[in-house]
Amino acid sequence: SPVLSGKFDLYAMELPFLSSVYLPKGKSEPQFAALYQTILKYQAKPDSTAQVLIPAAPFAKAGRLRSAAIEDPMEGLPWGIAIADLTFVEQLKFSAAECAGFLTPPESGPGVAGRTRLADAHCGVQSAGGVFRMKHAWTGKGQAQDGTDVDIFEGYLSFNVVHSALYRRKGHGSGDKIGFAFWAVRA
């Protein structure tokens, strides 16, 4: 199975311009090749939901995640998020709540799992954390421009932030709960 490390661009499965290509009306089978071609168009812009860096196994270092969807409300910039405690999982499974975000039920298979957390301490945050899980979903044989194989990965990530009193006083509320299923391609 493909290597689960490196740089990836993530795209939320809920994006209508992707979900309608992946599972068009009247189709029961996912259209991965069409999805890959559509993602390439958005990747060229660059316009992804998140960017992830996963270090090579045995995961001595934490991975990194950046997403405009997960931002510091005071700074208006994405939080610096680490993906800690990364492990390779022979049969990665998703919880029922996570599966609800997938358009088709994900099959279990080899993948990586870890915890999301702030990369650095922050005065505006009381606590923050979540999960990151990703597995291989599809290989397109010879579908790259140079004739090599291409891969789509799928997964789920969450990041829950509880704001400190400072951020609450400034009107940013008690925090955020973010979680979504995604497709990923190599960046």
C-alpha atoms as a PDB file:
ATOM      1  CA  SER A   1       0.000   0.000   0.000  1.00  0.00           C
ATOM      2  CA  PRO A   2       1.160   3.605  -0.615  1.00  0.00           C
ATOM      3  CA  VAL A   3       3.389   5.428   1.849  1.00  0.00           C
ATOM      4  CA  LEU A   4       1.368   7.424   4.368  1.00  0.00           C
ATOM      5  CA  SER A   5       3.888  10.210   4.911  1.00  0.00           C
ATOM      6  CA  GLY A   6       4.738  13.447   3.159  1.00  0.00           C
ATOM      7  CA  LYS A   7       2.739  16.553   2.277  1.00  0.00           C
ATOM      8  CA  PHE A   8      -0.962  16.287   1.532  1.00  0.00           C
ATOM      9  CA  ASP A   9      -3.713  18.680   0.504  1.00  0.00           C
ATOM     10  CA  LEU A  10      -6.998  17.885   2.243  1.00  0.00           C
ATOM     11  CA  TYR A  11     -10.460  18.600   0.857  1.00  0.00           C
ATOM     12  CA  ALA A  12     -13.595  18.375   3.009  1.00  0.00           C
ATOM     13  CA  MET A  13     -16.027  15.753   1.723  1.00  0.00           C
ATOM     14  CA  GLU A  14     -18.902  18.159   2.348  1.00  0.00           C
ATOM     15  CA  LEU A  15     -17.735  20.480  -0.458  1.00  0.00           C
ATOM     16  CA  PRO A  16     -20.540  20.262  -3.051  1.00  0.00           C
ATOM     17  CA  PHE A  17     -18.235  20.717  -6.058  1.00  0.00           C
ATOM     18  CA  LEU A  18     -16.406  17.530  -4.993  1.00  0.00           C
ATOM     19  CA  SER A  19     -19.190  15.437  -3.466  1.00  0.00           C
ATOM     20  CA  SER A  20     -21.301  15.792  -6.634  1.00  0.00           C
ATOM     21  CA  VAL A  21     -18.385  14.462  -8.723  1.00  0.00           C
ATOM     22  CA  TYR A  22     -17.543  11.647  -6.291  1.00  0.00           C
ATOM     23  CA  LEU A  23     -21.085  10.298  -6.135  1.00  0.00           C
ATOM     24  CA  PRO A  24     -23.181  11.811  -8.950  1.00  0.00           C
ATOM     25  CA  LYS A  25     -26.959  11.459  -8.928  1.00  0.00           C
ATOM     26  CA  GLY A  26     -27.974   8.027 -10.162  1.00  0.00           C
ATOM     27  CA  LYS A  27     -24.592   6.410  -9.435  1.00  0.00           C
ATOM     28  CA  SER A  28     -24.005   3.960  -6.609  1.00  0.00           C
ATOM     29  CA  GLU A  29     -20.237   3.547  -7.053  1.00  0.00           C
ATOM     30  CA  PRO A  30     -17.777   6.304  -6.127  1.00  0.00           C
ATOM     31  CA  GLN A  31     -16.165   8.005  -9.133  1.00  0.00           C
ATOM     32  CA  PHE A  32     -12.598   8.295  -7.838  1.00  0.00           C
ATOM     33  CA  ALA A  33     -10.961   9.063 -11.199  1.00  0.00           C
ATOM     34  CA  ALA A  34     -13.305  12.010 -11.807  1.00  0.00           C
ATOM     35  CA  LEU A  35     -12.805  13.153  -8.211  1.00  0.00           C
ATOM     36  CA  TYR A  36      -9.027  13.087  -8.655  1.00  0.00           C
ATOM     37  CA  GLN A  37      -9.206  15.172 -11.840  1.00  0.00           C
ATOM     38  CA  THR A  38     -11.491  17.700 -10.126  1.00  0.00           C
ATOM     39  CA  ILE A  39      -9.217  17.935  -7.085  1.00  0.00           C
ATOM     40  CA  LEU A  40      -6.246  18.614  -9.395  1.00  0.00           C
ATOM     41  CA  LYS A  41      -8.013  21.724 -10.722  1.00  0.00           C
ATOM     42  CA  TYR A  42      -8.492  23.080  -7.200  1.00  0.00           C
ATOM     43  CA  GLN A  43      -5.011  22.027  -6.116  1.00  0.00           C
ATOM     44  CA  ALA A  44      -3.554  24.184  -8.907  1.00  0.00           C
ATOM     45  CA  LYS A  45      -5.270  27.324  -7.517  1.00  0.00           C
ATOM     46  CA  PRO A  46      -4.164  26.419  -4.592  1.00  0.00           C
ATOM     47  CA  ASP A  47      -7.482  25.973  -2.832  1.00  0.00           C
ATOM     48  CA  SER A  48      -7.652  23.199  -0.240  1.00  0.00           C
ATOM     49  CA  THR A  49      -9.442  22.842   3.085  1.00  0.00           C
ATOM     50  CA  ALA A  50      -6.192  22.009   4.889  1.00  0.00           C
ATOM     51  CA  GLN A  51      -2.558  21.134   4.348  1.00  0.00           C
ATOM     52  CA  VAL A  52      -0.898  18.346   6.304  1.00  0.00           C
ATOM     53  CA  LEU A  53       2.678  17.193   6.717  1.00  0.00           C
ATOM     54  CA  ILE A  54       3.094  13.666   8.047  1.00  0.00           C
ATOM     55  CA  PRO A  55       6.660  12.666   8.947  1.00  0.00           C
ATOM     56  CA  ALA A  56       8.070   9.310   7.883  1.00  0.00           C
ATOM     57  CA  ALA A  57       7.524   6.337  10.189  1.00  0.00           C
ATOM     58  CA  PRO A  58       8.438   5.641  12.990  1.00  0.00           C
ATOM     59  CA  PHE A  59       6.997   9.144  13.552  1.00  0.00           C
ATOM     60  CA  ALA A  60       9.742  10.502  15.823  1.00  0.00           C
ATOM     61  CA  LYS A  61       8.391  14.019  15.158  1.00  0.00           C
ATOM     62  CA  ALA A  62       4.839  15.345  15.201  1.00  0.00           C
ATOM     63  CA  GLY A  63       3.047  16.096  11.972  1.00  0.00           C
ATOM     64  CA  ARG A  64       1.686  19.553  11.131  1.00  0.00           C
ATOM     65  CA  LEU A  65      -1.714  20.764   9.995  1.00  0.00           C
ATOM     66  CA  ARG A  66      -2.830  24.157   8.691  1.00  0.00           C
ATOM     67  CA  SER A  67      -6.356  25.085   7.732  1.00  0.00           C
ATOM     68  CA  ALA A  68      -8.126  28.368   7.099  1.00  0.00           C
ATOM     69  CA  ALA A  69     -11.218  26.597   8.488  1.00  0.00           C
ATOM     70  CA  ILE A  70      -9.507  26.296  11.888  1.00  0.00           C
ATOM     71  CA  GLU A  71      -8.338  29.764  12.831  1.00  0.00           C
ATOM     72  CA  ASP A  72      -7.508  31.916  15.808  1.00  0.00           C
ATOM     73  CA  PRO A  73     -10.476  34.339  16.001  1.00  0.00           C
ATOM     74  CA  MET A  74      -8.320  37.123  17.439  1.00  0.00           C
ATOM     75  CA  GLU A  75      -5.507  36.905  14.885  1.00  0.00           C
ATOM     76  CA  GLY A  76      -7.639  35.800  11.933  1.00  0.00           C
ATOM     77  CA  LEU A  77      -4.902  33.308  11.039  1.00  0.00           C
ATOM     78  CA  PRO A  78      -4.896  29.499  11.060  1.00  0.00           C
ATOM     79  CA  TRP A  79      -3.870  27.880  14.334  1.00  0.00           C
ATOM     80  CA  GLY A  80      -0.522  26.101  14.250  1.00  0.00           C
ATOM     81  CA  ILE A  81      -1.665  22.532  14.814  1.00  0.00           C
ATOM     82  CA  ALA A  82       0.552  19.556  15.575  1.00  0.00           C
ATOM     83  CA  ILE A  83      -0.461  15.974  14.844  1.00  0.00           C
ATOM     84  CA  ALA A  84       1.027  14.147  17.811  1.00  0.00           C
ATOM     85  CA  ASP A  85       1.252  10.496  18.847  1.00  0.00           C
ATOM     86  CA  LEU A  86       1.152   9.332  15.228  1.00  0.00           C
ATOM     87  CA  THR A  87       0.975   5.582  14.772  1.00  0.00           C
ATOM     88  CA  PHE A  88       0.560   3.230  11.851  1.00  0.00           C
ATOM     89  CA  VAL A  89      -2.652   1.215  12.186  1.00  0.00           C
ATOM     90  CA  GLU A  90      -3.005  -2.058  10.277  1.00  0.00           C
ATOM     91  CA  GLN A  91      -6.823  -1.855  10.148  1.00  0.00           C
ATOM     92  CA  LEU A  92      -7.823   1.785  10.623  1.00  0.00           C
ATOM     93  CA  LYS A  93     -11.492   2.134  11.497  1.00  0.00           C
ATOM     94  CA  PHE A  94     -13.627   5.222  11.954  1.00  0.00           C
ATOM     95  CA  SER A  95     -16.239   5.747  14.675  1.00  0.00           C
ATOM     96  CA  ALA A  96     -19.935   5.913  13.778  1.00  0.00           C
ATOM     97  CA  ALA A  97     -19.911   9.683  14.348  1.00  0.00           C
ATOM     98  CA  GLU A  98     -16.883  10.074  12.050  1.00  0.00           C
ATOM     99  CA  CYS A  99     -18.437   7.802   9.404  1.00  0.00           C
ATOM    100  CA  ALA A 100     -21.484  10.077   9.299  1.00  0.00           C
ATOM    101  CA  GLY A 101     -19.306  12.649   7.507  1.00  0.00           C
ATOM    102  CA  PHE A 102     -18.307  10.222   4.735  1.00  0.00           C
ATOM    103  CA  LEU A 103     -20.396  10.035   1.557  1.00  0.00           C
ATOM    104  CA  THR A 104     -19.864   6.273   1.316  1.00  0.00           C
ATOM    105  CA  PRO A 105     -18.910   4.066   4.269  1.00  0.00           C
ATOM    106  CA  PRO A 106     -15.106   3.923   4.517  1.00  0.00           C
ATOM    107  CA  GLU A 107     -13.588   0.460   4.395  1.00  0.00           C
ATOM    108  CA  SER A 108     -11.064  -0.341   7.089  1.00  0.00           C
ATOM    109  CA  GLY A 109      -7.468  -0.642   5.940  1.00  0.00           C
ATOM    110  CA  PRO A 110      -3.898   0.419   6.695  1.00  0.00           C
ATOM    111  CA  GLY A 111      -3.632   4.010   7.861  1.00  0.00           C
ATOM    112  CA  VAL A 112      -2.203   6.534  10.287  1.00  0.00           C
ATOM    113  CA  ALA A 113      -3.814   7.890  13.424  1.00  0.00           C
ATOM    114  CA  GLY A 114      -2.831  10.652  15.802  1.00  0.00           C
ATOM    115  CA  ARG A 115      -4.069  13.464  18.006  1.00  0.00           C
ATOM    116  CA  THR A 116      -4.434  17.084  16.939  1.00  0.00           C
ATOM    117  CA  ARG A 117      -3.240  19.714  19.410  1.00  0.00           C
ATOM    118  CA  LEU A 118      -1.878  23.241  19.365  1.00  0.00           C
ATOM    119  CA  ALA A 119       1.744  23.260  18.256  1.00  0.00           C
ATOM    120  CA  ASP A 120       2.531  25.983  20.816  1.00  0.00           C
ATOM    121  CA  ALA A 121       0.946  27.176  24.071  1.00  0.00           C
ATOM    122  CA  HIS A 122      -1.455  30.077  23.562  1.00  0.00           C
ATOM    123  CA  CYS A 123      -2.858  32.607  26.033  1.00  0.00           C
ATOM    124  CA  GLY A 124      -6.245  32.576  24.295  1.00  0.00           C
ATOM    125  CA  VAL A 125      -6.729  28.829  24.678  1.00  0.00           C
ATOM    126  CA  GLN A 126      -7.638  26.870  27.778  1.00  0.00           C
ATOM    127  CA  SER A 127      -7.503  23.508  26.000  1.00  0.00           C
ATOM    128  CA  ALA A 128      -7.429  22.184  22.449  1.00  0.00           C
ATOM    129  CA  GLY A 129      -7.319  18.785  20.833  1.00  0.00           C
ATOM    130  CA  GLY A 130      -8.890  16.260  18.544  1.00  0.00           C
ATOM    131  CA  VAL A 131      -8.101  13.367  16.236  1.00  0.00           C
ATOM    132  CA  PHE A 132      -6.491  12.802  12.859  1.00  0.00           C
ATOM    133  CA  ARG A 133      -7.011   9.552  10.948  1.00  0.00           C
ATOM    134  CA  MET A 134      -6.129   8.899   7.314  1.00  0.00           C
ATOM    135  CA  LYS A 135      -5.973   5.842   5.073  1.00  0.00           C
ATOM    136  CA  HIS A 136      -5.486   4.993   1.431  1.00  0.00           C
ATOM    137  CA  ALA A 137      -8.750   4.956  -0.544  1.00  0.00           C
ATOM    138  CA  TRP A 138      -7.912   4.556  -4.250  1.00  0.00           C
ATOM    139  CA  THR A 139      -5.077   4.189  -6.754  1.00  0.00           C
ATOM    140  CA  GLY A 140      -5.429   5.445 -10.304  1.00  0.00           C
ATOM    141  CA  LYS A 141      -3.071   3.315 -12.371  1.00  0.00           C
ATOM    142  CA  GLY A 142      -1.072   5.468 -14.794  1.00  0.00           C
ATOM    143  CA  GLN A 143      -3.329   8.485 -14.281  1.00  0.00           C
ATOM    144  CA  ALA A 144      -0.646  11.082 -13.574  1.00  0.00           C
ATOM    145  CA  GLN A 145       0.498  13.275 -16.476  1.00  0.00           C
ATOM    146  CA  ASP A 146       3.786  11.357 -16.552  1.00  0.00           C
ATOM    147  CA  GLY A 147       1.969   8.010 -16.596  1.00  0.00           C
ATOM    148  CA  THR A 148       2.647   7.090 -12.970  1.00  0.00           C
ATOM    149  CA  ASP A 149       0.021   6.019 -10.455  1.00  0.00           C
ATOM    150  CA  VAL A 150      -1.919   8.518  -8.350  1.00  0.00           C
ATOM    151  CA  ASP A 151      -3.596   8.031  -4.985  1.00  0.00           C
ATOM    152  CA  ILE A 152      -6.546   9.408  -3.087  1.00  0.00           C
ATOM    153  CA  PHE A 153      -6.575   9.090   0.683  1.00  0.00           C
ATOM    154  CA  GLU A 154      -9.547   9.567   2.972  1.00  0.00           C
ATOM    155  CA  GLY A 155      -9.842  10.410   6.601  1.00  0.00           C
ATOM    156  CA  TYR A 156     -11.311  12.378   9.430  1.00  0.00           C
ATOM    157  CA  LEU A 157      -9.941  15.207  11.516  1.00  0.00           C
ATOM    158  CA  SER A 158     -11.283  17.095  14.476  1.00  0.00           C
ATOM    159  CA  PHE A 159     -10.043  20.012  16.516  1.00  0.00           C
ATOM    160  CA  ASN A 160     -11.927  21.313  19.530  1.00  0.00           C
ATOM    161  CA  VAL A 161     -10.816  24.568  21.124  1.00  0.00           C
ATOM    162  CA  VAL A 162     -11.911  25.875  24.524  1.00  0.00           C
ATOM    163  CA  HIS A 163     -11.139  29.586  24.741  1.00  0.00           C
ATOM    164  CA  SER A 164      -9.535  31.112  27.814  1.00  0.00           C
ATOM    165  CA  ALA A 165     -11.223  33.867  29.827  1.00  0.00           C
ATOM    166  CA  LEU A 166      -9.238  36.416  27.788  1.00  0.00           C
ATOM    167  CA  TYR A 167     -10.818  35.319  24.489  1.00  0.00           C
ATOM    168  CA  ARG A 168     -14.268  34.955  26.059  1.00  0.00           C
ATOM    169  CA  ARG A 169     -14.048  38.514  27.450  1.00  0.00           C
ATOM    170  CA  LYS A 170     -13.095  39.763  23.978  1.00  0.00           C
ATOM    171  CA  GLY A 171     -16.352  38.307  22.615  1.00  0.00           C
ATOM    172  CA  HIS A 172     -15.003  35.194  20.880  1.00  0.00           C
ATOM    173  CA  GLY A 173     -17.336  32.800  22.683  1.00  0.00           C
ATOM    174  CA  SER A 174     -16.435  29.639  24.536  1.00  0.00           C
ATOM    175  CA  GLY A 175     -14.616  28.019  21.623  1.00  0.00           C
ATOM    176  CA  ASP A 176     -15.019  25.920  18.490  1.00  0.00           C
ATOM    177  CA  LYS A 177     -15.741  22.299  17.670  1.00  0.00           C
ATOM    178  CA  ILE A 178     -14.549  21.413  14.203  1.00  0.00           C
ATOM    179  CA  GLY A 179     -14.644  17.965  12.669  1.00  0.00           C
ATOM    180  CA  PHE A 180     -14.939  16.746   9.097  1.00  0.00           C
ATOM    181  CA  ALA A 181     -14.275  13.839   6.787  1.00  0.00           C
ATOM    182  CA  PHE A 182     -11.841  14.573   3.970  1.00  0.00           C
ATOM    183  CA  TRP A 183     -10.156  13.347   0.833  1.00  0.00           C
ATOM    184  CA  ALA A 184      -6.433  13.943   0.482  1.00  0.00           C
ATOM    185  CA  VAL A 185      -3.952  13.941  -2.376  1.00  0.00           C
ATOM    186  CA  ARG A 186      -0.208  14.405  -2.335  1.00  0.00           C
ATOM    187  CA  ALA A 187       0.836  18.047  -2.410  1.00  0.00           C
END
